[in-house]
N, C-alpha and C. Protein backbone atom coordinates (compact mmCIF):
# COMPACT_ATOMS: atom_id res chain seq x y z
N UNK A 1 0.86 -1.17 0.00
CA UNK A 1 0.00 0.00 0.00
C UNK A 1 0.90 1.23 0.00
N UNK A 2 0.70 2.10 -0.98
CA UNK A 2 1.51 3.32 -1.04
C UNK A 2 0.62 4.55 -0.88
N UNK A 3 1.25 5.66 -0.57
CA UNK A 3 0.55 6.92 -0.33
C UNK A 3 -0.08 7.45 -1.61
N UNK A 4 -1.26 8.03 -1.47
CA UNK A 4 -1.90 8.70 -2.59
C UNK A 4 -1.29 10.09 -2.75
N UNK A 5 -1.18 10.53 -3.97
CA UNK A 5 -0.71 11.89 -4.24
C UNK A 5 -1.52 12.45 -5.39
N UNK A 6 -2.22 13.52 -5.13
CA UNK A 6 -2.96 14.24 -6.16
C UNK A 6 -2.32 15.61 -6.29
N UNK A 7 -1.80 15.90 -7.45
CA UNK A 7 -1.07 17.14 -7.67
C UNK A 7 -1.90 18.37 -7.29
N UNK A 8 -3.18 18.36 -7.61
CA UNK A 8 -4.02 19.53 -7.33
C UNK A 8 -4.28 19.73 -5.84
N UNK A 9 -3.99 18.73 -5.02
CA UNK A 9 -4.22 18.82 -3.57
C UNK A 9 -2.93 18.93 -2.76
N UNK A 10 -1.79 18.97 -3.42
CA UNK A 10 -0.49 18.91 -2.72
C UNK A 10 -0.24 20.06 -1.75
N UNK A 11 -0.86 21.20 -1.97
CA UNK A 11 -0.63 22.35 -1.11
C UNK A 11 -1.58 22.44 0.08
N UNK A 12 -2.49 21.48 0.21
CA UNK A 12 -3.50 21.53 1.27
C UNK A 12 -3.23 20.47 2.32
N UNK A 13 -3.54 20.80 3.58
CA UNK A 13 -3.35 19.81 4.64
C UNK A 13 -4.46 19.94 5.68
N UNK A 14 -4.54 18.91 6.48
CA UNK A 14 -5.56 18.84 7.51
C UNK A 14 -5.03 18.03 8.69
N UNK A 15 -5.61 18.27 9.83
CA UNK A 15 -5.24 17.49 11.01
C UNK A 15 -6.07 16.21 11.11
N UNK A 16 -7.11 16.11 10.30
CA UNK A 16 -7.97 14.94 10.32
C UNK A 16 -7.47 13.87 9.37
N UNK A 17 -7.91 12.66 9.60
CA UNK A 17 -7.57 11.56 8.69
C UNK A 17 -8.30 11.72 7.37
N UNK A 18 -7.82 11.07 6.36
CA UNK A 18 -8.45 11.12 5.05
C UNK A 18 -8.03 9.92 4.24
N UNK A 19 -8.61 9.75 3.08
CA UNK A 19 -8.28 8.63 2.20
C UNK A 19 -6.88 8.85 1.67
N UNK A 20 -5.90 8.19 2.24
CA UNK A 20 -4.50 8.56 2.03
C UNK A 20 -3.65 7.52 1.30
N UNK A 21 -4.19 6.32 1.03
CA UNK A 21 -3.36 5.29 0.40
C UNK A 21 -4.07 4.70 -0.82
N UNK A 22 -3.30 4.00 -1.61
CA UNK A 22 -3.84 3.39 -2.83
C UNK A 22 -4.90 2.32 -2.55
N UNK A 23 -4.96 1.81 -1.33
CA UNK A 23 -6.02 0.87 -0.96
C UNK A 23 -7.40 1.51 -1.14
N UNK A 24 -7.48 2.81 -0.96
CA UNK A 24 -8.74 3.54 -1.10
C UNK A 24 -9.25 3.45 -2.54
N UNK A 25 -8.34 3.45 -3.49
CA UNK A 25 -8.72 3.34 -4.90
C UNK A 25 -9.38 1.99 -5.16
N UNK A 26 -8.80 0.93 -4.60
CA UNK A 26 -9.36 -0.41 -4.77
C UNK A 26 -10.78 -0.47 -4.20
N UNK A 27 -10.99 0.13 -3.03
CA UNK A 27 -12.31 0.15 -2.40
C UNK A 27 -13.30 0.90 -3.28
N UNK A 28 -12.94 2.10 -3.71
CA UNK A 28 -13.84 2.91 -4.54
C UNK A 28 -14.19 2.21 -5.84
N UNK A 29 -13.20 1.65 -6.50
CA UNK A 29 -13.46 0.95 -7.77
C UNK A 29 -14.40 -0.24 -7.57
N UNK A 30 -14.20 -1.00 -6.49
CA UNK A 30 -15.08 -2.14 -6.25
C UNK A 30 -16.50 -1.67 -5.97
N UNK A 31 -16.65 -0.61 -5.19
CA UNK A 31 -17.99 -0.09 -4.89
C UNK A 31 -18.68 0.38 -6.16
N UNK A 32 -17.98 1.10 -7.01
CA UNK A 32 -18.60 1.59 -8.24
C UNK A 32 -18.89 0.44 -9.22
N UNK A 33 -18.06 -0.59 -9.23
CA UNK A 33 -18.35 -1.77 -10.05
C UNK A 33 -19.60 -2.49 -9.56
N UNK A 34 -19.77 -2.59 -8.25
CA UNK A 34 -20.93 -3.28 -7.68
C UNK A 34 -22.22 -2.49 -7.91
N UNK A 35 -22.13 -1.16 -7.83
CA UNK A 35 -23.33 -0.32 -7.84
C UNK A 35 -23.66 0.29 -9.19
N UNK A 36 -22.65 0.48 -10.04
CA UNK A 36 -22.85 1.18 -11.30
C UNK A 36 -23.13 2.66 -11.12
N UNK A 37 -22.86 3.19 -9.95
CA UNK A 37 -23.16 4.59 -9.64
C UNK A 37 -22.32 5.56 -10.47
N UNK A 38 -22.97 6.64 -10.89
CA UNK A 38 -22.30 7.71 -11.64
C UNK A 38 -22.49 9.07 -10.98
N UNK A 39 -23.54 9.21 -10.16
CA UNK A 39 -23.84 10.47 -9.48
C UNK A 39 -23.76 10.26 -7.98
N UNK A 40 -22.96 11.10 -7.30
CA UNK A 40 -22.70 10.91 -5.87
C UNK A 40 -22.91 12.20 -5.08
N UNK A 41 -23.42 12.02 -3.87
CA UNK A 41 -23.41 13.07 -2.86
C UNK A 41 -22.35 12.69 -1.86
N UNK A 42 -21.36 13.58 -1.68
CA UNK A 42 -20.33 13.34 -0.67
C UNK A 42 -20.58 14.32 0.47
N UNK A 43 -20.80 13.78 1.65
CA UNK A 43 -20.98 14.62 2.83
C UNK A 43 -19.70 14.54 3.64
N UNK A 44 -18.97 15.65 3.68
CA UNK A 44 -17.68 15.71 4.35
C UNK A 44 -16.54 15.66 3.35
N UNK A 45 -16.13 16.80 2.84
CA UNK A 45 -15.10 16.90 1.81
C UNK A 45 -13.70 17.03 2.41
N UNK A 46 -13.56 17.78 3.49
CA UNK A 46 -12.28 18.03 4.16
C UNK A 46 -11.32 18.72 3.18
N UNK A 47 -10.32 18.01 2.67
CA UNK A 47 -9.41 18.61 1.67
C UNK A 47 -9.45 17.85 0.34
N UNK A 48 -10.40 16.96 0.17
CA UNK A 48 -10.69 16.44 -1.15
C UNK A 48 -10.07 15.15 -1.62
N UNK A 49 -9.39 14.41 -0.76
CA UNK A 49 -8.77 13.17 -1.23
C UNK A 49 -9.82 12.13 -1.62
N UNK A 50 -10.83 11.93 -0.81
CA UNK A 50 -11.84 10.94 -1.18
C UNK A 50 -12.59 11.39 -2.43
N UNK A 51 -12.87 12.69 -2.55
CA UNK A 51 -13.54 13.18 -3.77
C UNK A 51 -12.71 12.86 -5.00
N UNK A 52 -11.40 13.09 -4.93
CA UNK A 52 -10.52 12.79 -6.06
C UNK A 52 -10.53 11.30 -6.39
N UNK A 53 -10.53 10.47 -5.36
CA UNK A 53 -10.57 9.02 -5.58
C UNK A 53 -11.87 8.63 -6.29
N UNK A 54 -13.01 9.14 -5.81
CA UNK A 54 -14.30 8.81 -6.44
C UNK A 54 -14.35 9.30 -7.89
N UNK A 55 -13.87 10.52 -8.13
CA UNK A 55 -13.88 11.07 -9.49
C UNK A 55 -12.98 10.26 -10.42
N UNK A 56 -11.82 9.88 -9.93
CA UNK A 56 -10.89 9.06 -10.74
C UNK A 56 -11.48 7.67 -11.00
N UNK A 57 -12.26 7.16 -10.04
CA UNK A 57 -12.82 5.81 -10.17
C UNK A 57 -14.04 5.74 -11.09
N UNK A 58 -14.63 6.89 -11.40
CA UNK A 58 -15.73 6.86 -12.36
C UNK A 58 -16.95 7.71 -12.05
N UNK A 59 -16.98 8.39 -10.92
CA UNK A 59 -18.11 9.28 -10.65
C UNK A 59 -18.08 10.42 -11.66
N UNK A 60 -19.22 10.68 -12.28
CA UNK A 60 -19.33 11.71 -13.32
C UNK A 60 -19.89 13.03 -12.79
N UNK A 61 -20.75 12.94 -11.77
CA UNK A 61 -21.38 14.12 -11.20
C UNK A 61 -21.29 14.01 -9.67
N UNK A 62 -20.60 14.96 -9.08
CA UNK A 62 -20.36 14.92 -7.64
C UNK A 62 -20.95 16.16 -6.97
N UNK A 63 -21.86 15.91 -6.05
CA UNK A 63 -22.39 16.96 -5.19
C UNK A 63 -21.68 16.85 -3.85
N UNK A 64 -21.30 17.98 -3.27
CA UNK A 64 -20.53 17.97 -2.02
C UNK A 64 -21.21 18.88 -1.01
N UNK A 65 -21.36 18.37 0.21
CA UNK A 65 -21.77 19.20 1.35
C UNK A 65 -20.63 19.14 2.35
N UNK A 66 -20.16 20.31 2.75
CA UNK A 66 -19.10 20.37 3.76
C UNK A 66 -19.35 21.57 4.66
N UNK A 67 -19.09 21.38 5.93
CA UNK A 67 -19.33 22.42 6.93
C UNK A 67 -18.29 23.55 6.84
N UNK A 68 -17.19 23.31 6.12
CA UNK A 68 -16.17 24.33 5.85
C UNK A 68 -15.47 24.84 7.11
N UNK A 69 -14.98 23.93 7.92
CA UNK A 69 -14.27 24.32 9.13
C UNK A 69 -12.75 24.26 8.99
N UNK A 70 -12.24 23.78 7.86
CA UNK A 70 -10.80 23.68 7.65
C UNK A 70 -10.34 24.84 6.77
N UNK A 71 -9.18 25.35 7.05
CA UNK A 71 -8.69 26.52 6.32
C UNK A 71 -8.49 26.25 4.83
N UNK A 72 -8.29 25.00 4.44
CA UNK A 72 -8.02 24.68 3.04
C UNK A 72 -9.21 24.12 2.27
N UNK A 73 -10.38 23.98 2.91
CA UNK A 73 -11.51 23.34 2.24
C UNK A 73 -11.93 24.08 0.98
N UNK A 74 -12.18 25.37 1.07
CA UNK A 74 -12.66 26.12 -0.09
C UNK A 74 -11.63 26.09 -1.22
N UNK A 75 -10.36 26.28 -0.90
CA UNK A 75 -9.31 26.24 -1.93
C UNK A 75 -9.21 24.86 -2.57
N UNK A 76 -9.37 23.81 -1.76
CA UNK A 76 -9.32 22.45 -2.30
C UNK A 76 -10.54 22.16 -3.17
N UNK A 77 -11.70 22.68 -2.81
CA UNK A 77 -12.89 22.54 -3.65
C UNK A 77 -12.67 23.20 -5.01
N UNK A 78 -12.12 24.40 -4.98
CA UNK A 78 -11.85 25.12 -6.22
C UNK A 78 -10.85 24.36 -7.08
N UNK A 79 -9.77 23.89 -6.47
CA UNK A 79 -8.75 23.13 -7.20
C UNK A 79 -9.34 21.84 -7.79
N UNK A 80 -10.20 21.18 -7.05
CA UNK A 80 -10.84 19.96 -7.54
C UNK A 80 -11.73 20.26 -8.74
N UNK A 81 -12.51 21.31 -8.65
CA UNK A 81 -13.40 21.69 -9.75
C UNK A 81 -12.61 22.02 -11.01
N UNK A 82 -11.50 22.73 -10.86
CA UNK A 82 -10.66 23.10 -12.01
C UNK A 82 -9.98 21.86 -12.60
N UNK A 83 -9.53 20.97 -11.74
CA UNK A 83 -8.83 19.76 -12.20
C UNK A 83 -9.76 18.83 -12.97
N UNK A 84 -10.99 18.71 -12.53
CA UNK A 84 -11.94 17.78 -13.14
C UNK A 84 -12.99 18.54 -13.96
N UNK A 85 -12.53 19.32 -14.91
CA UNK A 85 -13.43 20.10 -15.76
C UNK A 85 -14.37 19.21 -16.58
N UNK A 86 -13.98 17.96 -16.81
CA UNK A 86 -14.81 17.03 -17.57
C UNK A 86 -15.89 16.38 -16.70
N UNK A 87 -15.96 16.73 -15.43
CA UNK A 87 -16.97 16.20 -14.51
C UNK A 87 -17.85 17.36 -14.05
N UNK A 88 -19.01 17.04 -13.54
CA UNK A 88 -19.89 18.05 -12.97
C UNK A 88 -19.74 18.01 -11.46
N UNK A 89 -19.29 19.13 -10.90
CA UNK A 89 -19.08 19.22 -9.46
C UNK A 89 -19.82 20.45 -8.94
N UNK A 90 -20.62 20.24 -7.91
CA UNK A 90 -21.32 21.34 -7.26
C UNK A 90 -21.19 21.16 -5.76
N UNK A 91 -21.13 22.25 -5.04
CA UNK A 91 -20.99 22.11 -3.59
C UNK A 91 -21.84 23.11 -2.84
N UNK A 92 -22.09 22.73 -1.60
CA UNK A 92 -22.81 23.56 -0.65
C UNK A 92 -21.96 23.60 0.61
N UNK A 93 -21.57 24.78 1.01
CA UNK A 93 -20.80 24.94 2.25
C UNK A 93 -21.80 25.26 3.36
N UNK A 94 -22.20 24.23 4.07
CA UNK A 94 -23.21 24.36 5.12
C UNK A 94 -23.18 23.12 6.00
N UNK A 95 -23.82 23.22 7.14
CA UNK A 95 -24.00 22.07 8.02
C UNK A 95 -24.95 21.10 7.32
N UNK A 96 -24.55 19.85 7.22
CA UNK A 96 -25.37 18.86 6.51
C UNK A 96 -26.70 18.59 7.20
N UNK A 97 -26.83 18.96 8.47
CA UNK A 97 -28.09 18.75 9.19
C UNK A 97 -29.00 19.97 9.11
N UNK A 98 -28.60 21.00 8.39
CA UNK A 98 -29.35 22.25 8.34
C UNK A 98 -30.52 22.19 7.36
N UNK A 99 -31.42 23.14 7.52
CA UNK A 99 -32.53 23.29 6.58
C UNK A 99 -31.98 23.62 5.19
N UNK A 100 -30.90 24.37 5.14
CA UNK A 100 -30.27 24.72 3.86
C UNK A 100 -29.86 23.46 3.08
N UNK A 101 -29.30 22.49 3.78
CA UNK A 101 -28.89 21.23 3.14
C UNK A 101 -30.13 20.44 2.67
N UNK A 102 -31.14 20.40 3.51
CA UNK A 102 -32.37 19.67 3.13
C UNK A 102 -33.04 20.33 1.92
N UNK A 103 -32.96 21.65 1.82
CA UNK A 103 -33.61 22.37 0.73
C UNK A 103 -32.77 22.44 -0.54
N UNK A 104 -31.50 22.04 -0.47
CA UNK A 104 -30.63 22.13 -1.64
C UNK A 104 -31.20 21.27 -2.76
N UNK A 105 -31.45 21.90 -3.87
CA UNK A 105 -32.06 21.21 -5.01
C UNK A 105 -30.97 20.61 -5.89
N UNK A 106 -30.92 19.28 -5.90
CA UNK A 106 -29.96 18.57 -6.73
C UNK A 106 -30.70 17.47 -7.48
N UNK A 107 -30.11 17.02 -8.58
CA UNK A 107 -30.68 15.89 -9.30
C UNK A 107 -30.60 14.67 -8.41
N UNK A 108 -31.47 13.69 -8.60
CA UNK A 108 -31.37 12.47 -7.80
C UNK A 108 -29.97 11.84 -7.94
N UNK A 109 -29.49 11.32 -6.85
CA UNK A 109 -28.15 10.72 -6.81
C UNK A 109 -28.26 9.21 -6.81
N UNK A 110 -27.21 8.57 -7.28
CA UNK A 110 -27.15 7.11 -7.24
C UNK A 110 -26.65 6.61 -5.88
N UNK A 111 -25.69 7.36 -5.32
CA UNK A 111 -24.95 6.87 -4.16
C UNK A 111 -24.54 8.07 -3.29
N UNK A 112 -24.40 7.85 -2.00
CA UNK A 112 -23.90 8.88 -1.09
C UNK A 112 -22.71 8.32 -0.32
N UNK A 113 -21.69 9.16 -0.18
CA UNK A 113 -20.53 8.84 0.65
C UNK A 113 -20.67 9.67 1.91
N UNK A 114 -20.90 9.00 3.04
CA UNK A 114 -21.20 9.67 4.29
C UNK A 114 -19.95 9.68 5.17
N UNK A 115 -19.35 10.86 5.25
CA UNK A 115 -18.11 11.03 6.02
C UNK A 115 -18.07 12.42 6.66
N UNK A 116 -19.23 12.88 7.12
CA UNK A 116 -19.30 14.17 7.81
C UNK A 116 -19.15 13.94 9.30
N UNK A 117 -20.04 14.55 10.07
CA UNK A 117 -20.02 14.36 11.52
C UNK A 117 -20.22 12.89 11.86
N UNK A 118 -19.50 12.41 12.86
CA UNK A 118 -19.51 10.99 13.19
C UNK A 118 -20.41 10.63 14.37
N UNK A 119 -21.11 11.61 14.92
CA UNK A 119 -22.03 11.29 16.02
C UNK A 119 -23.24 10.55 15.45
N UNK A 120 -23.94 9.84 16.31
CA UNK A 120 -25.14 9.12 15.88
C UNK A 120 -26.13 10.08 15.24
N UNK A 121 -26.40 11.20 15.89
CA UNK A 121 -27.40 12.15 15.42
C UNK A 121 -27.06 12.68 14.03
N UNK A 122 -25.82 13.11 13.84
CA UNK A 122 -25.43 13.68 12.54
C UNK A 122 -25.39 12.60 11.46
N UNK A 123 -24.84 11.45 11.78
CA UNK A 123 -24.76 10.36 10.79
C UNK A 123 -26.15 9.89 10.39
N UNK A 124 -27.08 9.80 11.33
CA UNK A 124 -28.46 9.41 10.99
C UNK A 124 -29.09 10.49 10.10
N UNK A 125 -28.89 11.74 10.45
CA UNK A 125 -29.42 12.83 9.63
C UNK A 125 -28.85 12.77 8.22
N UNK A 126 -27.55 12.55 8.10
CA UNK A 126 -26.89 12.46 6.79
C UNK A 126 -27.42 11.27 5.98
N UNK A 127 -27.69 10.17 6.66
CA UNK A 127 -28.23 8.99 5.99
C UNK A 127 -29.61 9.27 5.42
N UNK A 128 -30.47 9.86 6.24
CA UNK A 128 -31.83 10.16 5.81
C UNK A 128 -31.85 11.24 4.73
N UNK A 129 -30.97 12.22 4.84
CA UNK A 129 -30.84 13.25 3.80
C UNK A 129 -30.46 12.61 2.47
N UNK A 130 -29.51 11.70 2.50
CA UNK A 130 -29.05 11.02 1.29
C UNK A 130 -30.17 10.20 0.65
N UNK A 131 -30.93 9.51 1.47
CA UNK A 131 -32.06 8.74 0.96
C UNK A 131 -33.10 9.69 0.35
N UNK A 132 -33.36 10.80 1.03
CA UNK A 132 -34.31 11.79 0.49
C UNK A 132 -33.84 12.37 -0.85
N UNK A 133 -32.53 12.44 -1.06
CA UNK A 133 -31.97 12.97 -2.31
C UNK A 133 -31.92 11.90 -3.41
N UNK A 134 -32.43 10.71 -3.11
CA UNK A 134 -32.56 9.67 -4.13
C UNK A 134 -31.53 8.56 -4.10
N UNK A 135 -30.64 8.56 -3.13
CA UNK A 135 -29.58 7.54 -3.09
C UNK A 135 -30.16 6.13 -3.04
N UNK A 136 -29.62 5.29 -3.90
CA UNK A 136 -29.97 3.87 -3.89
C UNK A 136 -28.93 3.08 -3.08
N UNK A 137 -27.79 3.71 -2.86
CA UNK A 137 -26.67 3.11 -2.13
C UNK A 137 -26.09 4.14 -1.17
N UNK A 138 -25.61 3.68 -0.01
CA UNK A 138 -24.91 4.53 0.95
C UNK A 138 -23.56 3.89 1.25
N UNK A 139 -22.55 4.73 1.35
CA UNK A 139 -21.21 4.27 1.73
C UNK A 139 -20.84 5.03 3.00
N UNK A 140 -20.53 4.30 4.05
CA UNK A 140 -20.14 4.90 5.32
C UNK A 140 -18.64 4.76 5.51
N UNK A 141 -17.99 5.85 5.86
CA UNK A 141 -16.57 5.81 6.18
C UNK A 141 -16.44 5.74 7.70
N UNK A 142 -15.38 5.15 8.18
CA UNK A 142 -15.06 5.12 9.62
C UNK A 142 -16.09 4.36 10.46
N UNK A 143 -16.67 3.31 9.93
CA UNK A 143 -17.61 2.49 10.71
C UNK A 143 -16.81 1.52 11.58
N UNK A 144 -16.96 1.68 12.89
CA UNK A 144 -16.21 0.86 13.84
C UNK A 144 -17.21 0.27 14.84
N UNK A 145 -17.35 -1.05 14.80
CA UNK A 145 -18.28 -1.71 15.70
C UNK A 145 -17.92 -1.44 17.16
N UNK A 146 -18.94 -1.07 17.94
CA UNK A 146 -18.73 -0.82 19.36
C UNK A 146 -18.02 0.49 19.68
N UNK A 147 -17.80 1.33 18.70
CA UNK A 147 -17.08 2.59 18.89
C UNK A 147 -18.05 3.70 19.28
N UNK A 148 -17.56 4.69 19.97
CA UNK A 148 -18.41 5.79 20.42
C UNK A 148 -18.83 6.73 19.30
N UNK A 149 -18.26 6.60 18.08
CA UNK A 149 -18.59 7.56 17.04
C UNK A 149 -20.02 7.44 16.51
N UNK A 150 -20.71 6.35 16.72
CA UNK A 150 -22.12 6.25 16.37
C UNK A 150 -22.44 5.77 14.97
N UNK A 151 -21.46 5.67 14.09
CA UNK A 151 -21.72 5.28 12.70
C UNK A 151 -22.23 3.85 12.62
N UNK A 152 -21.57 2.94 13.32
CA UNK A 152 -22.00 1.54 13.30
C UNK A 152 -23.42 1.41 13.83
N UNK A 153 -23.74 2.18 14.87
CA UNK A 153 -25.09 2.13 15.44
C UNK A 153 -26.14 2.63 14.45
N UNK A 154 -25.80 3.63 13.64
CA UNK A 154 -26.73 4.11 12.61
C UNK A 154 -26.99 2.99 11.61
N UNK A 155 -25.94 2.34 11.17
CA UNK A 155 -26.09 1.25 10.20
C UNK A 155 -26.99 0.15 10.77
N UNK A 156 -26.74 -0.28 12.00
CA UNK A 156 -27.54 -1.36 12.58
C UNK A 156 -28.99 -0.92 12.82
N UNK A 157 -29.20 0.34 13.18
CA UNK A 157 -30.56 0.84 13.37
C UNK A 157 -31.33 0.84 12.05
N UNK A 158 -30.73 1.41 11.01
CA UNK A 158 -31.40 1.46 9.70
C UNK A 158 -31.63 0.06 9.14
N UNK A 159 -30.69 -0.84 9.41
CA UNK A 159 -30.85 -2.23 8.96
C UNK A 159 -32.01 -2.90 9.70
N UNK A 160 -32.09 -2.69 11.02
CA UNK A 160 -33.17 -3.32 11.79
C UNK A 160 -34.53 -2.73 11.44
N UNK A 161 -34.56 -1.50 10.94
CA UNK A 161 -35.81 -0.88 10.50
C UNK A 161 -36.18 -1.26 9.07
N UNK A 162 -35.34 -2.06 8.42
CA UNK A 162 -35.62 -2.51 7.06
C UNK A 162 -35.40 -1.44 6.00
N UNK A 163 -34.62 -0.42 6.32
CA UNK A 163 -34.38 0.67 5.36
C UNK A 163 -33.14 0.43 4.49
N UNK A 164 -32.23 -0.39 5.00
CA UNK A 164 -30.99 -0.68 4.26
C UNK A 164 -30.63 -2.15 4.42
N UNK A 165 -29.75 -2.59 3.54
CA UNK A 165 -29.20 -3.94 3.63
C UNK A 165 -27.69 -3.84 3.47
N UNK A 166 -26.94 -4.39 4.41
CA UNK A 166 -25.48 -4.38 4.34
C UNK A 166 -25.02 -5.26 3.19
N UNK A 167 -24.17 -4.71 2.32
CA UNK A 167 -23.68 -5.44 1.16
C UNK A 167 -22.23 -5.86 1.35
N UNK A 168 -21.39 -4.96 1.82
CA UNK A 168 -19.97 -5.27 1.94
C UNK A 168 -19.30 -4.33 2.93
N UNK A 169 -18.31 -4.83 3.64
CA UNK A 169 -17.50 -4.02 4.54
C UNK A 169 -16.03 -4.19 4.16
N UNK A 170 -15.37 -3.08 3.91
CA UNK A 170 -13.97 -3.08 3.48
C UNK A 170 -13.09 -2.60 4.64
N UNK A 171 -12.11 -3.39 5.05
CA UNK A 171 -11.21 -2.95 6.13
C UNK A 171 -10.48 -1.67 5.73
N UNK A 172 -10.43 -0.72 6.65
CA UNK A 172 -9.72 0.54 6.41
C UNK A 172 -8.25 0.34 6.77
N UNK A 173 -7.52 -0.24 5.84
CA UNK A 173 -6.12 -0.55 6.07
C UNK A 173 -5.28 0.70 6.27
N UNK A 174 -5.72 1.82 5.74
CA UNK A 174 -4.97 3.08 5.85
C UNK A 174 -5.08 3.70 7.23
N UNK A 175 -6.07 3.29 8.04
CA UNK A 175 -6.17 3.78 9.41
C UNK A 175 -5.94 2.66 10.42
N UNK A 176 -5.96 1.43 9.93
CA UNK A 176 -5.79 0.23 10.75
C UNK A 176 -6.90 0.02 11.76
N UNK A 177 -8.06 0.66 11.50
CA UNK A 177 -9.24 0.38 12.31
C UNK A 177 -10.49 0.75 11.53
N UNK A 178 -11.53 0.00 11.74
CA UNK A 178 -12.81 0.29 11.13
C UNK A 178 -12.96 -0.18 9.70
N UNK A 179 -14.10 0.19 9.13
CA UNK A 179 -14.49 -0.26 7.80
C UNK A 179 -15.11 0.86 7.00
N UNK A 180 -15.02 0.72 5.70
CA UNK A 180 -15.88 1.44 4.77
C UNK A 180 -17.00 0.46 4.49
N UNK A 181 -18.23 0.87 4.71
CA UNK A 181 -19.37 -0.05 4.61
C UNK A 181 -20.31 0.41 3.48
N UNK A 182 -20.60 -0.52 2.59
CA UNK A 182 -21.54 -0.30 1.50
C UNK A 182 -22.88 -0.93 1.87
N UNK A 183 -23.94 -0.13 1.76
CA UNK A 183 -25.28 -0.65 2.00
C UNK A 183 -26.20 -0.28 0.85
N UNK A 184 -27.19 -1.11 0.63
CA UNK A 184 -28.23 -0.86 -0.38
C UNK A 184 -29.44 -0.28 0.32
N UNK A 185 -29.99 0.79 -0.24
CA UNK A 185 -31.21 1.39 0.30
C UNK A 185 -32.39 0.55 -0.17
N UNK A 186 -33.24 0.14 0.77
CA UNK A 186 -34.38 -0.72 0.45
C UNK A 186 -35.69 0.06 0.29
N UNK A 187 -35.78 1.19 0.89
CA UNK A 187 -36.97 2.06 0.88
C UNK A 187 -38.10 1.27 1.38
């Protein structure tokens, strides 16, 4: 596993973790092969590594919601948009749980990548927002069974309510803990 390097993102940094190794490419490609997704909502952009991975793997239209708390987020969004001129990229800088996010008018999406706030409340809100925006598939980052971050609990709650079905869990080798989890929305 080697480090990812995207030239358009080289000047940006963050204190948070991000999709940092080539293992992430393998995960994204497998997810897109399984789902056939072309339109994605990404909640939680940070400095854009996961967005670049998804775009390189085959996403054609990327909608992004980010709370914009990092000094490099806006610059990284701009650099990503310029780099991928052959893709459609739109973003909303707002809290994903806000009325503004719920009211954001976007075309129906195939898939959502949920990597915003990791609390149960925020992750559940992001999941339901994604379903409301038309997602047939949800991808959760940083899902750790029994962890206090709440993501795993959201997945098990939605599964027990018959709203989703777990399809695959990919070990997050780049962090050495947790999973990227793909689920199918059952509606």
